[in-house]
Protein backbone atom coordinates (compact mmCIF):
# COMPACT_ATOMS: atom_id res chain seq x y z
CA MET A 1 11.32 -7.11 23.17
CA ASP A 2 10.83 -8.56 19.27
CA LEU A 3 13.31 -6.54 16.84
CA VAL A 4 10.27 -5.62 14.97
CA PRO A 5 9.68 -2.45 13.90
CA LEU A 6 7.25 -0.40 14.76
CA THR A 7 4.67 1.28 12.44
CA GLY A 8 1.54 3.30 12.21
CA GLU A 9 2.49 6.14 13.65
CA PRO A 10 3.88 9.57 11.70
CA LEU A 11 6.94 8.72 9.93
CA ALA A 12 9.17 10.67 11.70
CA LEU A 13 8.80 8.87 14.73
CA ASP A 14 8.41 5.50 12.55
CA LEU A 15 11.67 6.72 12.02
CA VAL A 16 13.09 6.94 15.83
CA ASN A 17 11.37 3.77 16.79
CA THR A 18 13.90 2.03 14.50
CA ARG A 19 16.50 2.67 17.78
CA PRO A 20 14.16 0.15 20.11
CA ALA A 21 15.72 0.06 23.97
CA THR A 22 17.93 -2.73 22.01
CA GLY A 23 20.31 -2.89 19.42
CA ASP A 24 19.01 -0.80 16.05
CA LEU A 25 16.39 -1.93 13.11
CA LEU A 26 18.64 0.06 10.67
CA VAL A 27 21.72 -1.83 10.69
CA THR A 28 22.42 -1.89 7.25
CA PRO A 29 21.38 -0.90 3.97
CA ASP A 30 18.91 -3.99 3.69
CA ASN A 31 17.40 -3.48 6.89
CA LEU A 32 16.67 0.30 5.80
CA ARG A 33 15.08 -1.06 2.45
CA ALA A 34 12.80 -3.46 4.79
CA TRP A 35 11.80 -0.42 6.41
CA LEU A 36 11.50 0.87 3.19
CA GLU A 37 8.80 -1.34 2.22
CA LEU A 38 6.68 -1.75 5.48
CA GLN A 39 6.51 2.54 5.13
CA ALA A 40 5.95 2.38 1.01
CA ASP A 41 2.25 3.41 1.58
CA ARG A 42 3.39 6.59 2.73
CA LEU A 43 6.85 6.96 1.19
CA PRO A 44 5.81 6.31 -2.65
CA GLU A 45 8.82 6.81 -4.26
CA ALA A 46 10.15 3.75 -1.19
CA ARG A 47 10.83 1.47 -3.48
CA GLU A 48 12.92 3.49 -6.69
CA LEU A 49 15.13 5.17 -3.58
CA ALA A 50 15.48 1.84 -1.41
CA ALA A 51 17.44 -0.18 -4.74
CA ALA A 52 19.92 2.36 -4.98
CA LEU A 53 20.80 3.02 -0.54
CA THR A 54 24.63 2.76 0.07
CA ALA A 55 26.11 2.28 3.15
CA ALA A 56 26.44 6.24 2.94
CA ASP A 57 23.04 6.73 2.88
CA LEU A 58 22.31 4.47 6.05
CA THR A 59 24.70 7.01 7.57
CA ALA A 60 22.67 10.39 6.74
CA VAL A 61 19.56 8.47 7.23
CA HIS A 62 21.19 7.12 11.01
CA ALA A 63 22.13 11.40 11.50
CA VAL A 64 18.53 12.39 10.36
CA ARG A 65 17.24 9.72 12.81
CA GLU A 66 19.08 10.74 15.72
CA HIS A 67 18.39 14.57 15.38
CA THR A 68 14.63 13.79 15.21
CA ALA A 69 14.91 12.05 18.26
CA GLN A 70 16.73 14.58 20.48
CA ALA A 71 14.62 17.55 18.27
CA VAL A 72 11.48 15.46 19.57
CA ASP A 73 11.99 15.11 22.74
CA HIS A 74 13.00 17.85 23.68
CA VAL A 75 9.96 19.23 22.06
CA ARG A 76 6.88 16.98 23.24
CA ARG A 77 8.25 18.42 26.82
CA GLY A 78 8.08 22.27 25.70
CA GLU A 79 11.31 22.51 26.04
CA PRO A 80 13.69 23.86 23.07
CA PRO A 81 14.79 21.73 20.65
CA SER A 82 18.82 22.19 19.90
CA ALA A 83 19.94 24.54 17.09
CA THR A 84 22.24 21.59 16.24
CA ALA A 85 19.09 19.46 15.28
CA LEU A 86 17.04 21.58 14.28
CA GLU A 87 20.07 22.78 11.76
CA SER A 88 21.04 19.44 10.25
CA LEU A 89 17.43 18.62 9.57
CA ASN A 90 17.23 21.53 7.45
CA GLN A 91 20.83 20.19 5.81
CA ALA A 92 19.40 17.28 5.04
CA GLN A 93 16.24 18.93 3.41
CA ARG A 94 18.75 21.04 1.50
CA GLY A 95 20.14 18.13 -0.02
CA ALA A 96 17.42 17.47 -2.10
CA PRO A 97 14.94 20.06 -2.35
CA ALA A 98 11.38 19.47 -3.53
CA ILE A 99 9.39 21.36 -5.89
CA ASN A 100 5.76 20.47 -7.13
CA GLU A 101 5.88 19.82 -10.65
CA LEU A 102 3.05 20.73 -12.20
CA ALA A 103 1.22 18.51 -15.34
CA TRP A 104 -1.89 18.65 -17.15
CA ASP A 105 -4.08 15.12 -16.94
CA GLY A 106 -6.08 16.59 -19.66
CA THR A 107 -8.62 17.74 -17.76
CA SER A 108 -7.20 19.63 -15.01
CA ILE A 109 -3.82 20.87 -14.26
CA THR A 110 -2.16 18.41 -11.24
CA ALA A 111 0.92 19.04 -8.72
CA VAL A 112 3.22 16.08 -7.65
CA ARG A 113 5.95 16.64 -5.05
CA ARG A 114 9.46 15.48 -6.56
CA ARG A 115 13.36 15.68 -5.46
CA THR A 116 15.21 15.31 -7.52
CA GLY A 117 19.21 13.54 -7.48
CA PRO A 118 20.18 10.59 -5.08
CA ALA A 119 18.17 8.44 -3.53
CA GLY A 120 20.19 8.94 -0.10
CA PRO A 121 20.17 12.50 0.14
CA ARG A 122 16.40 12.53 -1.35
CA LEU A 123 15.64 10.05 1.31
CA ALA A 124 17.13 11.80 3.81
CA ALA A 125 15.09 14.97 2.44
CA ARG A 126 11.41 13.30 2.83
CA LEU A 127 12.64 11.95 6.29
CA ALA A 128 13.42 15.50 7.29
CA GLU A 129 10.59 17.03 5.78
CA ALA A 130 8.66 14.34 8.29
CA ALA A 131 10.35 15.55 10.82
CA ALA A 132 9.24 19.32 10.22
CA GLU A 133 6.19 18.49 9.85
CA LEU A 134 5.66 16.63 13.30
CA LEU A 135 7.83 18.80 15.25
CA THR A 136 5.87 21.84 13.71
CA ASP A 137 2.31 19.90 14.78
CA PRO A 138 0.48 21.45 18.07
CA ALA A 139 -0.24 17.50 18.93
CA ILE A 140 3.65 16.76 19.05
CA VAL A 141 3.26 17.86 23.08
CA LYS A 142 0.50 15.04 22.87
CA ILE A 143 3.31 12.09 22.50
CA ARG A 144 3.91 9.74 24.70
CA GLN A 145 6.58 7.20 25.88
CA CYS A 146 5.50 3.48 25.98
CA GLU A 147 5.01 2.87 29.58
CA ALA A 148 6.63 -0.68 29.38
CA ASP A 149 9.37 -0.43 31.77
CA ASP A 150 11.65 -1.63 28.88
CA CYS A 151 10.05 -0.07 26.21
CA VAL A 152 11.19 3.32 24.60
CA MET A 153 9.13 3.81 21.69
CA LEU A 154 6.84 6.53 21.22
CA PHE A 155 3.86 7.09 19.93
CA LEU A 156 0.41 9.74 19.40
CA PRO A 157 -2.58 8.11 21.04
CA ALA A 158 -5.47 8.64 19.33
CA HIS A 159 -7.38 7.67 22.29
CA PRO A 160 -6.11 9.26 26.03
CA ARG A 161 -6.51 6.32 27.34
CA ARG A 162 -2.97 4.55 25.27
CA ARG A 163 -0.41 3.29 27.65
CA TRP A 164 1.61 0.70 25.48
CA CYS A 165 3.67 1.39 21.92
CA SER A 166 1.51 -1.73 21.16
CA ALA A 167 -1.34 -3.41 22.91
CA THR A 168 -0.34 -6.75 21.69
CA ARG A 169 3.16 -6.41 21.89
CA CYS A 170 3.76 -4.13 25.21
CA GLY A 171 0.44 -4.22 26.45
CA ASN A 172 -0.08 -8.33 26.71
CA ARG A 173 3.42 -8.06 28.23
CA VAL A 174 2.92 -6.09 30.58
CA ARG A 175 -0.67 -7.20 32.24
CA VAL A 176 0.34 -10.64 32.05
CA ALA A 177 3.53 -9.63 34.56
CA ARG A 178 1.03 -7.79 36.77
CA HIS A 179 -1.93 -11.45 36.70
CA TYR A 180 1.06 -13.07 37.40
CA GLN A 181 2.32 -11.10 40.63
CA ARG A 182 -1.36 -10.97 41.50
CA HIS A 183 -1.80 -14.59 41.33
CA ARG A 184 1.76 -16.36 41.90
CA PRO A 185 2.55 -18.46 44.71
CA ASP A 186 4.02 -16.63 47.82
């Protein structure tokens, strides 16, 4: 398994998927910065937040990731999540509440969602908010785990026949192994 982040799923799943079967993709603040760069299209504040992240901020992101993973695992199987996981995600959001900041652009009122405070709590709050969005989405019951034997990645399939987190990552490995099994000399 290559240790390259799987991206393109809902933000909360992308966060959970930074913990593959082997290793952790967010071991250092620099790893977190690199992951945030990959998420810049969904987190417009990512570059600003990344510049100020510390080891303590990484710990807060790890906590959000672990509680998100626990809650998603239960809810996708139709089971209630633990109260501890939900309260931890709520606490992370309370650490940097968001407001819809209103402004006049010359022709109409605009609203931009913003958080104030230090970078770490703002990032943890935004990631916990993404978890809340995913956990309350009815599609959560469609989340699947990759069918490759050595993969624990989760994905939300756009097509009902999707079986792997990535056709190029796990799909090819599974197909090659299956081909080898069919054509190996006895």
